[in-house]
Every structure is written in C-alpha cells, then in structure tokens.
Amino acid sequence: MANHATTTETAMKTDPAGSIHDEVIGHGNSPAAWTCVFIMIAGSIVAGIGFAMASNMVFWAGVVVMFLGLIAGWIMKKAGYGVDGSKIQGSGH
C-alpha cells in the first residue's frame, strides 16, 4: 500500500497535464438545469403526498410532473439555456 501512495505522488509531481480534478465539469449550473430540478422536486413532493394518502391518482400525477420536468429541462437546453448555451454566454453561468 505504501508503494502505491508513493507512486501516485510521484506521478502527480511529474505529470505536466495536471490532475483530472483540475477540469471544470460545470455541474449543470444553468437555467435549464435549475428549472428541471425545481419541477422535479415539485413532482416528487406531489408523488410523496399521494403515496402517503394511498391515492394512486395523486401519486401518478406527481410522477408525470417529474417526467415533464425532464422534458422542460431538455427543451430549455436545446433552446440555448443549458451549460455553455448560446443564450447565457457571458452572463456568469
């Protein structure tokens, strides 16, 4: 085990490209992602209430709202509001 740590430390010191952790991933910080998440949270709350009430109709309505959140996020991403989208270039997102 000690040899592995030493080898990893040596590789990190000699690797001119840096670590894979130096790359900016983005983490979905965009209006499309936030809209998707908020709609899906609302749907999960509705589905949770329907589950607690033992109401199939309310539960499945919440599941449909979650699915609509995915569609809304995808549409917004295609419209340019996703990460590196054309509508949010230079706005700090």
PDB file of N, CA and C in Angstrom:
ATOM      1  N   MET A   1       0.812  -1.187   0.000  1.00  0.00           N
ATOM      2  CA  MET A   1       0.000   0.000   0.000  1.00  0.00           C
ATOM      3  C   MET A   1       0.862   1.259   0.000  1.00  0.00           C
ATOM      4  N   ALA A   2       1.948   1.237   0.748  1.00  0.00           N
ATOM      5  CA  ALA A   2       2.805   2.414   0.823  1.00  0.00           C
ATOM      6  C   ALA A   2       3.438   2.701  -0.534  1.00  0.00           C
ATOM      7  N   ASN A   3       3.769   1.667  -1.295  1.00  0.00           N
ATOM      8  CA  ASN A   3       4.364   1.881  -2.609  1.00  0.00           C
ATOM      9  C   ASN A   3       3.371   2.552  -3.550  1.00  0.00           C
ATOM     10  N   HIS A   4       2.109   2.198  -3.436  1.00  0.00           N
ATOM     11  CA  HIS A   4       1.086   2.798  -4.299  1.00  0.00           C
ATOM     12  C   HIS A   4       0.987   4.303  -4.040  1.00  0.00           C
ATOM     13  N   ALA A   5       0.978   4.707  -2.783  1.00  0.00           N
ATOM     14  CA  ALA A   5       0.873   6.129  -2.455  1.00  0.00           C
ATOM     15  C   ALA A   5       2.092   6.885  -2.974  1.00  0.00           C
ATOM     16  N   THR A   6       3.263   6.291  -2.832  1.00  0.00           N
ATOM     17  CA  THR A   6       4.484   6.931  -3.305  1.00  0.00           C
ATOM     18  C   THR A   6       4.456   7.062  -4.823  1.00  0.00           C
ATOM     19  N   THR A   7       4.001   6.018  -5.514  1.00  0.00           N
ATOM     20  CA  THR A   7       3.915   6.053  -6.971  1.00  0.00           C
ATOM     21  C   THR A   7       2.918   7.115  -7.423  1.00  0.00           C
ATOM     22  N   THR A   8       1.786   7.238  -6.749  1.00  0.00           N
ATOM     23  CA  THR A   8       0.787   8.231  -7.101  1.00  0.00           C
ATOM     24  C   THR A   8       1.324   9.637  -6.891  1.00  0.00           C
ATOM     25  N   GLU A   9       2.017   9.860  -5.779  1.00  0.00           N
ATOM     26  CA  GLU A   9       2.578  11.180  -5.510  1.00  0.00           C
ATOM     27  C   GLU A   9       3.626  11.543  -6.552  1.00  0.00           C
ATOM     28  N   THR A  10       4.450  10.584  -6.941  1.00  0.00           N
ATOM     29  CA  THR A  10       5.476  10.826  -7.949  1.00  0.00           C
ATOM     30  C   THR A  10       4.839  11.148  -9.291  1.00  0.00           C
ATOM     31  N   ALA A  11       3.782  10.430  -9.647  1.00  0.00           N
ATOM     32  CA  ALA A  11       3.106  10.663 -10.920  1.00  0.00           C
ATOM     33  C   ALA A  11       2.464  12.042 -10.944  1.00  0.00           C
ATOM     34  N   MET A  12       1.930  12.481  -9.826  1.00  0.00           N
ATOM     35  CA  MET A  12       1.295  13.787  -9.775  1.00  0.00           C
ATOM     36  C   MET A  12       2.316  14.904  -9.919  1.00  0.00           C
ATOM     37  N   LYS A  13       3.522  14.704  -9.371  1.00  0.00           N
ATOM     38  CA  LYS A  13       4.552  15.728  -9.458  1.00  0.00           C
ATOM     39  C   LYS A  13       5.127  15.834 -10.860  1.00  0.00           C
ATOM     40  N   THR A  14       5.174  14.730 -11.593  1.00  0.00           N
ATOM     41  CA  THR A  14       5.801  14.734 -12.905  1.00  0.00           C
ATOM     42  C   THR A  14       4.810  14.905 -14.046  1.00  0.00           C
ATOM     43  N   ASP A  15       3.522  14.850 -13.793  1.00  0.00           N
ATOM     44  CA  ASP A  15       2.516  14.944 -14.845  1.00  0.00           C
ATOM     45  C   ASP A  15       2.279  16.409 -15.207  1.00  0.00           C
ATOM     46  N   PRO A  16       2.719  16.846 -16.393  1.00  0.00           N
ATOM     47  CA  PRO A  16       2.549  18.257 -16.753  1.00  0.00           C
ATOM     48  C   PRO A  16       1.095  18.623 -17.064  1.00  0.00           C
ATOM     49  N   ALA A  17       0.273  17.632 -17.374  1.00  0.00           N
ATOM     50  CA  ALA A  17      -1.122  17.915 -17.723  1.00  0.00           C
ATOM     51  C   ALA A  17      -1.966  18.199 -16.491  1.00  0.00           C
ATOM     52  N   GLY A  18      -1.511  17.836 -15.324  1.00  0.00           N
ATOM     53  CA  GLY A  18      -2.259  18.073 -14.109  1.00  0.00           C
ATOM     54  C   GLY A  18      -3.190  16.922 -13.789  1.00  0.00           C
ATOM     55  N   SER A  19      -4.006  17.141 -12.807  1.00  0.00           N
ATOM     56  CA  SER A  19      -4.935  16.133 -12.335  1.00  0.00           C
ATOM     57  C   SER A  19      -6.242  16.204 -13.108  1.00  0.00           C
ATOM     58  N   ILE A  20      -6.985  15.097 -13.109  1.00  0.00           N
ATOM     59  CA  ILE A  20      -8.299  15.107 -13.748  1.00  0.00           C
ATOM     60  C   ILE A  20      -9.268  15.979 -12.962  1.00  0.00           C
ATOM     61  N   HIS A  21      -8.918  16.310 -11.732  1.00  0.00           N
ATOM     62  CA  HIS A  21      -9.780  17.139 -10.901  1.00  0.00           C
ATOM     63  C   HIS A  21      -9.613  18.622 -11.210  1.00  0.00           C
ATOM     64  N   ASP A  22      -8.690  18.969 -12.096  1.00  0.00           N
ATOM     65  CA  ASP A  22      -8.490  20.363 -12.476  1.00  0.00           C
ATOM     66  C   ASP A  22      -9.497  20.819 -13.524  1.00  0.00           C
ATOM     67  N   GLU A  23     -10.191  19.887 -14.159  1.00  0.00           N
ATOM     68  CA  GLU A  23     -11.136  20.230 -15.209  1.00  0.00           C
ATOM     69  C   GLU A  23     -12.423  20.786 -14.604  1.00  0.00           C
ATOM     70  N   VAL A  24     -13.000  21.766 -15.277  1.00  0.00           N
ATOM     71  CA  VAL A  24     -14.279  22.323 -14.849  1.00  0.00           C
ATOM     72  C   VAL A  24     -15.388  21.481 -15.462  1.00  0.00           C
ATOM     73  N   ILE A  25     -16.180  20.846 -14.627  1.00  0.00           N
ATOM     74  CA  ILE A  25     -17.224  19.953 -15.101  1.00  0.00           C
ATOM     75  C   ILE A  25     -18.499  20.738 -15.410  1.00  0.00           C
ATOM     76  N   GLY A  26     -18.801  21.739 -14.632  1.00  0.00           N
ATOM     77  CA  GLY A  26     -19.996  22.541 -14.867  1.00  0.00           C
ATOM     78  C   GLY A  26     -21.112  22.237 -13.894  1.00  0.00           C
ATOM     79  N   HIS A  27     -21.291  21.006 -13.540  1.00  0.00           N
ATOM     80  CA  HIS A  27     -22.288  20.577 -12.554  1.00  0.00           C
ATOM     81  C   HIS A  27     -23.704  21.020 -12.893  1.00  0.00           C
ATOM     82  N   GLY A  28     -23.990  21.341 -14.148  1.00  0.00           N
ATOM     83  CA  GLY A  28     -25.348  21.668 -14.549  1.00  0.00           C
ATOM     84  C   GLY A  28     -25.863  22.984 -14.022  1.00  0.00           C
ATOM     85  N   ASN A  29     -24.972  23.917 -13.700  1.00  0.00           N
ATOM     86  CA  ASN A  29     -25.395  25.200 -13.163  1.00  0.00           C
ATOM     87  C   ASN A  29     -25.888  26.083 -14.300  1.00  0.00           C
ATOM     88  N   SER A  30     -27.149  25.909 -14.671  1.00  0.00           N
ATOM     89  CA  SER A  30     -27.743  26.660 -15.771  1.00  0.00           C
ATOM     90  C   SER A  30     -29.239  26.818 -15.519  1.00  0.00           C
ATOM     91  N   PRO A  31     -29.863  27.784 -16.201  1.00  0.00           N
ATOM     92  CA  PRO A  31     -31.318  27.932 -16.036  1.00  0.00           C
ATOM     93  C   PRO A  31     -32.085  26.662 -16.417  1.00  0.00           C
ATOM     94  N   ALA A  32     -31.613  25.941 -17.432  1.00  0.00           N
ATOM     95  CA  ALA A  32     -32.293  24.706 -17.835  1.00  0.00           C
ATOM     96  C   ALA A  32     -32.234  23.659 -16.723  1.00  0.00           C
ATOM     97  N   ALA A  33     -31.062  23.522 -16.117  1.00  0.00           N
ATOM     98  CA  ALA A  33     -30.903  22.526 -15.052  1.00  0.00           C
ATOM     99  C   ALA A  33     -31.717  22.896 -13.819  1.00  0.00           C
ATOM    100  N   TRP A  34     -31.691  24.166 -13.450  1.00  0.00           N
ATOM    101  CA  TRP A  34     -32.445  24.586 -12.268  1.00  0.00           C
ATOM    102  C   TRP A  34     -33.946  24.431 -12.481  1.00  0.00           C
ATOM    103  N   THR A  35     -34.428  24.773 -13.671  1.00  0.00           N
ATOM    104  CA  THR A  35     -35.849  24.602 -13.965  1.00  0.00           C
ATOM    105  C   THR A  35     -36.240  23.133 -13.884  1.00  0.00           C
ATOM    106  N   CYS A  36     -35.422  22.287 -14.477  1.00  0.00           N
ATOM    107  CA  CYS A  36     -35.667  20.843 -14.437  1.00  0.00           C
ATOM    108  C   CYS A  36     -35.741  20.343 -12.996  1.00  0.00           C
ATOM    109  N   VAL A  37     -34.787  20.752 -12.192  1.00  0.00           N
ATOM    110  CA  VAL A  37     -34.723  20.280 -10.799  1.00  0.00           C
ATOM    111  C   VAL A  37     -35.917  20.785  -9.995  1.00  0.00           C
ATOM    112  N   PHE A  38     -36.270  22.061 -10.139  1.00  0.00           N
ATOM    113  CA  PHE A  38     -37.392  22.593  -9.369  1.00  0.00           C
ATOM    114  C   PHE A  38     -38.708  21.911  -9.738  1.00  0.00           C
ATOM    115  N   ILE A  39     -38.942  21.687 -11.019  1.00  0.00           N
ATOM    116  CA  ILE A  39     -40.170  20.999 -11.438  1.00  0.00           C
ATOM    117  C   ILE A  39     -40.182  19.566 -10.913  1.00  0.00           C
ATOM    118  N   MET A  40     -39.027  18.899 -10.967  1.00  0.00           N
ATOM    119  CA  MET A  40     -38.967  17.517 -10.486  1.00  0.00           C
ATOM    120  C   MET A  40     -39.128  17.438  -8.972  1.00  0.00           C
ATOM    121  N   ILE A  41     -38.632  18.425  -8.245  1.00  0.00           N
ATOM    122  CA  ILE A  41     -38.842  18.454  -6.786  1.00  0.00           C
ATOM    123  C   ILE A  41     -40.335  18.607  -6.483  1.00  0.00           C
ATOM    124  N   ALA A  42     -40.996  19.505  -7.210  1.00  0.00           N
ATOM    125  CA  ALA A  42     -42.443  19.682  -7.006  1.00  0.00           C
ATOM    126  C   ALA A  42     -43.172  18.379  -7.307  1.00  0.00           C
ATOM    127  N   GLY A  43     -42.793  17.692  -8.377  1.00  0.00           N
ATOM    128  CA  GLY A  43     -43.418  16.417  -8.710  1.00  0.00           C
ATOM    129  C   GLY A  43     -43.178  15.354  -7.660  1.00  0.00           C
ATOM    130  N   SER A  44     -41.976  15.348  -7.091  1.00  0.00           N
ATOM    131  CA  SER A  44     -41.695  14.338  -6.061  1.00  0.00           C
ATOM    132  C   SER A  44     -42.468  14.626  -4.774  1.00  0.00           C
ATOM    133  N   ILE A  45     -42.685  15.902  -4.481  1.00  0.00           N
ATOM    134  CA  ILE A  45     -43.500  16.250  -3.312  1.00  0.00           C
ATOM    135  C   ILE A  45     -44.941  15.789  -3.528  1.00  0.00           C
ATOM    136  N   VAL A  46     -45.475  16.048  -4.728  1.00  0.00           N
ATOM    137  CA  VAL A  46     -46.843  15.605  -5.042  1.00  0.00           C
ATOM    138  C   VAL A  46     -46.925  14.080  -4.975  1.00  0.00           C
ATOM    139  N   ALA A  47     -45.932  13.383  -5.552  1.00  0.00           N
ATOM    140  CA  ALA A  47     -45.944  11.915  -5.522  1.00  0.00           C
ATOM    141  C   ALA A  47     -45.831  11.399  -4.088  1.00  0.00           C
ATOM    142  N   GLY A  48     -45.033  12.054  -3.277  1.00  0.00           N
ATOM    143  CA  GLY A  48     -44.908  11.646  -1.879  1.00  0.00           C
ATOM    144  C   GLY A  48     -46.193  11.825  -1.102  1.00  0.00           C
ATOM    145  N   ILE A  49     -46.879  12.927  -1.365  1.00  0.00           N
ATOM    146  CA  ILE A  49     -48.171  13.153  -0.713  1.00  0.00           C
ATOM    147  C   ILE A  49     -49.178  12.105  -1.180  1.00  0.00           C
ATOM    148  N   GLY A  50     -49.183  11.818  -2.478  1.00  0.00           N
ATOM    149  CA  GLY A  50     -50.087  10.788  -2.999  1.00  0.00           C
ATOM    150  C   GLY A  50     -49.799   9.418  -2.415  1.00  0.00           C
ATOM    151  N   PHE A  51     -48.511   9.122  -2.217  1.00  0.00           N
ATOM    152  CA  PHE A  51     -48.140   7.838  -1.616  1.00  0.00           C
ATOM    153  C   PHE A  51     -48.623   7.759  -0.173  1.00  0.00           C
ATOM    154  N   ALA A  52     -48.431   8.864   0.570  1.00  0.00           N
ATOM    155  CA  ALA A  52     -48.863   8.881   1.978  1.00  0.00           C
ATOM    156  C   ALA A  52     -50.381   8.800   2.099  1.00  0.00           C
ATOM    157  N   MET A  53     -51.088   9.376   1.122  1.00  0.00           N
ATOM    158  CA  MET A  53     -52.553   9.345   1.136  1.00  0.00           C
ATOM    159  C   MET A  53     -53.100   8.045   0.561  1.00  0.00           C
ATOM    160  N   ALA A  54     -52.238   7.221   0.013  1.00  0.00           N
ATOM    161  CA  ALA A  54     -52.634   5.986  -0.662  1.00  0.00           C
ATOM    162  C   ALA A  54     -53.557   6.286  -1.837  1.00  0.00           C
ATOM    163  N   SER A  55     -53.235   7.372  -2.542  1.00  0.00           N
ATOM    164  CA  SER A  55     -54.023   7.786  -3.704  1.00  0.00           C
ATOM    165  C   SER A  55     -53.200   7.544  -4.966  1.00  0.00           C
ATOM    166  N   ASN A  56     -53.632   6.576  -5.745  1.00  0.00           N
ATOM    167  CA  ASN A  56     -52.913   6.281  -6.988  1.00  0.00           C
ATOM    168  C   ASN A  56     -52.913   7.468  -7.942  1.00  0.00           C
ATOM    169  N   MET A  57     -54.024   8.174  -8.026  1.00  0.00           N
ATOM    170  CA  MET A  57     -54.126   9.282  -8.968  1.00  0.00           C
ATOM    171  C   MET A  57     -53.146  10.411  -8.619  1.00  0.00           C
ATOM    172  N   VAL A  58     -53.052  10.770  -7.353  1.00  0.00           N
ATOM    173  CA  VAL A  58     -52.144  11.837  -6.930  1.00  0.00           C
ATOM    174  C   VAL A  58     -50.693  11.383  -7.103  1.00  0.00           C
ATOM    175  N   PHE A  59     -50.403  10.132  -6.757  1.00  0.00           N
ATOM    176  CA  PHE A  59     -49.047   9.613  -6.911  1.00  0.00           C
ATOM    177  C   PHE A  59     -48.595   9.674  -8.367  1.00  0.00           C
ATOM    178  N   TRP A  60     -49.421   9.161  -9.280  1.00  0.00           N
ATOM    179  CA  TRP A  60     -49.037   9.134 -10.685  1.00  0.00           C
ATOM    180  C   TRP A  60     -49.030  10.528 -11.295  1.00  0.00           C
ATOM    181  N   ALA A  61     -49.834  11.433 -10.769  1.00  0.00           N
ATOM    182  CA  ALA A  61     -49.775  12.830 -11.222  1.00  0.00           C
ATOM    183  C   ALA A  61     -48.405  13.420 -10.882  1.00  0.00           C
ATOM    184  N   GLY A  62     -47.895  13.102  -9.702  1.00  0.00           N
ATOM    185  CA  GLY A  62     -46.557  13.560  -9.326  1.00  0.00           C
ATOM    186  C   GLY A  62     -45.482  12.970 -10.211  1.00  0.00           C
ATOM    187  N   VAL A  63     -45.614  11.712 -10.572  1.00  0.00           N
ATOM    188  CA  VAL A  63     -44.646  11.070 -11.464  1.00  0.00           C
ATOM    189  C   VAL A  63     -44.682  11.739 -12.839  1.00  0.00           C
ATOM    190  N   VAL A  64     -45.862  12.077 -13.309  1.00  0.00           N
ATOM    191  CA  VAL A  64     -45.992  12.764 -14.606  1.00  0.00           C
ATOM    192  C   VAL A  64     -45.337  14.137 -14.539  1.00  0.00           C
ATOM    193  N   VAL A  65     -45.512  14.852 -13.430  1.00  0.00           N
ATOM    194  CA  VAL A  65     -44.874  16.165 -13.272  1.00  0.00           C
ATOM    195  C   VAL A  65     -43.350  16.013 -13.294  1.00  0.00           C
ATOM    196  N   MET A  66     -42.815  14.974 -12.667  1.00  0.00           N
ATOM    197  CA  MET A  66     -41.367  14.749 -12.710  1.00  0.00           C
ATOM    198  C   MET A  66     -40.901  14.506 -14.142  1.00  0.00           C
ATOM    199  N   PHE A  67     -41.650  13.739 -14.896  1.00  0.00           N
ATOM    200  CA  PHE A  67     -41.309  13.479 -16.289  1.00  0.00           C
ATOM    201  C   PHE A  67     -41.372  14.773 -17.108  1.00  0.00           C
ATOM    202  N   LEU A  68     -42.370  15.609 -16.839  1.00  0.00           N
ATOM    203  CA  LEU A  68     -42.471  16.905 -17.520  1.00  0.00           C
ATOM    204  C   LEU A  68     -41.282  17.808 -17.180  1.00  0.00           C
ATOM    205  N   GLY A  69     -40.749  17.686 -15.964  1.00  0.00           N
ATOM    206  CA  GLY A  69     -39.555  18.442 -15.591  1.00  0.00           C
ATOM    207  C   GLY A  69     -38.359  18.054 -16.446  1.00  0.00           C
ATOM    208  N   LEU A  70     -38.217  16.761 -16.706  1.00  0.00           N
ATOM    209  CA  LEU A  70     -37.137  16.311 -17.598  1.00  0.00           C
ATOM    210  C   LEU A  70     -37.296  16.892 -18.993  1.00  0.00           C
ATOM    211  N   ILE A  71     -38.516  16.876 -19.490  1.00  0.00           N
ATOM    212  CA  ILE A  71     -38.778  17.403 -20.836  1.00  0.00           C
ATOM    213  C   ILE A  71     -38.511  18.912 -20.876  1.00  0.00           C
ATOM    214  N   ALA A  72     -38.956  19.638 -19.846  1.00  0.00           N
ATOM    215  CA  ALA A  72     -38.732  21.084 -19.803  1.00  0.00           C
ATOM    216  C   ALA A  72     -37.245  21.411 -19.781  1.00  0.00           C
ATOM    217  N   GLY A  73     -36.460  20.678 -19.004  1.00  0.00           N
ATOM    218  CA  GLY A  73     -35.019  20.892 -18.965  1.00  0.00           C
ATOM    219  C   GLY A  73     -34.367  20.615 -20.305  1.00  0.00           C
ATOM    220  N   TRP A  74     -34.807  19.548 -20.961  1.00  0.00           N
ATOM    221  CA  TRP A  74     -34.240  19.195 -22.272  1.00  0.00           C
ATOM    222  C   TRP A  74     -34.574  20.262 -23.311  1.00  0.00           C
ATOM    223  N   ILE A  75     -35.827  20.739 -23.296  1.00  0.00           N
ATOM    224  CA  ILE A  75     -36.232  21.776 -24.248  1.00  0.00           C
ATOM    225  C   ILE A  75     -35.442  23.061 -24.004  1.00  0.00           C
ATOM    226  N   MET A  76     -35.278  23.441 -22.744  1.00  0.00           N
ATOM    227  CA  MET A  76     -34.518  24.651 -22.439  1.00  0.00           C
ATOM    228  C   MET A  76     -33.061  24.506 -22.839  1.00  0.00           C
ATOM    229  N   LYS A  77     -32.495  23.312 -22.663  1.00  0.00           N
ATOM    230  CA  LYS A  77     -31.114  23.081 -23.085  1.00  0.00           C
ATOM    231  C   LYS A  77     -30.993  23.245 -24.597  1.00  0.00           C
ATOM    232  N   LYS A  78     -31.929  22.674 -25.333  1.00  0.00           N
ATOM    233  CA  LYS A  78     -31.918  22.802 -26.796  1.00  0.00           C
ATOM    234  C   LYS A  78     -32.141  24.245 -27.236  1.00  0.00           C
ATOM    235  N   ALA A  79     -32.850  25.033 -26.427  1.00  0.00           N
ATOM    236  CA  ALA A  79     -33.111  26.431 -26.751  1.00  0.00           C
ATOM    237  C   ALA A  79     -31.929  27.335 -26.408  1.00  0.00           C
ATOM    238  N   GLY A  80     -30.878  26.781 -25.800  1.00  0.00           N
ATOM    239  CA  GLY A  80     -29.685  27.565 -25.516  1.00  0.00           C
ATOM    240  C   GLY A  80     -29.528  28.001 -24.085  1.00  0.00           C
ATOM    241  N   TYR A  81     -30.329  27.464 -23.183  1.00  0.00           N
ATOM    242  CA  TYR A  81     -30.246  27.840 -21.775  1.00  0.00           C
ATOM    243  C   TYR A  81     -29.521  26.806 -20.924  1.00  0.00           C
ATOM    244  N   GLY A  82     -28.840  25.848 -21.545  1.00  0.00           N
ATOM    245  CA  GLY A  82     -28.070  24.844 -20.821  1.00  0.00           C
ATOM    246  C   GLY A  82     -26.656  25.322 -20.570  1.00  0.00           C
ATOM    247  N   VAL A  83     -25.823  24.452 -20.013  1.00  0.00           N
ATOM    248  CA  VAL A  83     -24.427  24.784 -19.770  1.00  0.00           C
ATOM    249  C   VAL A  83     -23.761  25.099 -21.107  1.00  0.00           C
ATOM    250  N   ASP A  84     -23.079  26.228 -21.178  1.00  0.00           N
ATOM    251  CA  ASP A  84     -22.425  26.722 -22.396  1.00  0.00           C
ATOM    252  C   ASP A  84     -23.417  26.990 -23.519  1.00  0.00           C
ATOM    253  N   GLY A  85     -24.662  27.258 -23.193  1.00  0.00           N
ATOM    254  CA  GLY A  85     -25.683  27.554 -24.194  1.00  0.00           C
ATOM    255  C   GLY A  85     -25.505  28.940 -24.778  1.00  0.00           C
ATOM    256  N   SER A  86     -26.053  29.153 -25.947  1.00  0.00           N
ATOM    257  CA  SER A  86     -25.898  30.427 -26.639  1.00  0.00           C
ATOM    258  C   SER A  86     -26.610  31.579 -25.948  1.00  0.00           C
ATOM    259  N   LYS A  87     -27.666  31.304 -25.221  1.00  0.00           N
ATOM    260  CA  LYS A  87     -28.451  32.371 -24.572  1.00  0.00           C
ATOM    261  C   LYS A  87     -27.822  32.878 -23.277  1.00  0.00           C
ATOM    262  N   ILE A  88     -26.896  32.101 -22.708  1.00  0.00           N
ATOM    263  CA  ILE A  88     -26.327  32.516 -21.415  1.00  0.00           C
ATOM    264  C   ILE A  88     -24.824  32.765 -21.493  1.00  0.00           C
ATOM    265  N   GLN A  89     -24.282  32.886 -22.677  1.00  0.00           N
ATOM    266  CA  GLN A  89     -22.854  33.172 -22.817  1.00  0.00           C
ATOM    267  C   GLN A  89     -22.554  34.542 -22.211  1.00  0.00           C
ATOM    268  N   GLY A  90     -21.540  34.590 -21.365  1.00  0.00           N
ATOM    269  CA  GLY A  90     -21.114  35.852 -20.772  1.00  0.00           C
ATOM    270  C   GLY A  90     -21.980  36.363 -19.653  1.00  0.00           C
ATOM    271  N   SER A  91     -22.947  35.577 -19.195  1.00  0.00           N
ATOM    272  CA  SER A  91     -23.818  36.047 -18.120  1.00  0.00           C
ATOM    273  C   SER A  91     -23.385  35.557 -16.749  1.00  0.00           C
ATOM    274  N   GLY A  92     -22.261  34.850 -16.678  1.00  0.00           N
ATOM    275  CA  GLY A  92     -21.767  34.385 -15.392  1.00  0.00           C
ATOM    276  C   GLY A  92     -22.225  32.999 -15.009  1.00  0.00           C
ATOM    277  N   HIS A  93     -22.982  32.319 -15.842  1.00  0.00           N
ATOM    278  CA  HIS A  93     -23.456  30.964 -15.544  1.00  0.00           C
ATOM    279  C   HIS A  93     -22.425  29.974 -15.953  1.00  0.00           C
TER     280      HIS A  93
END
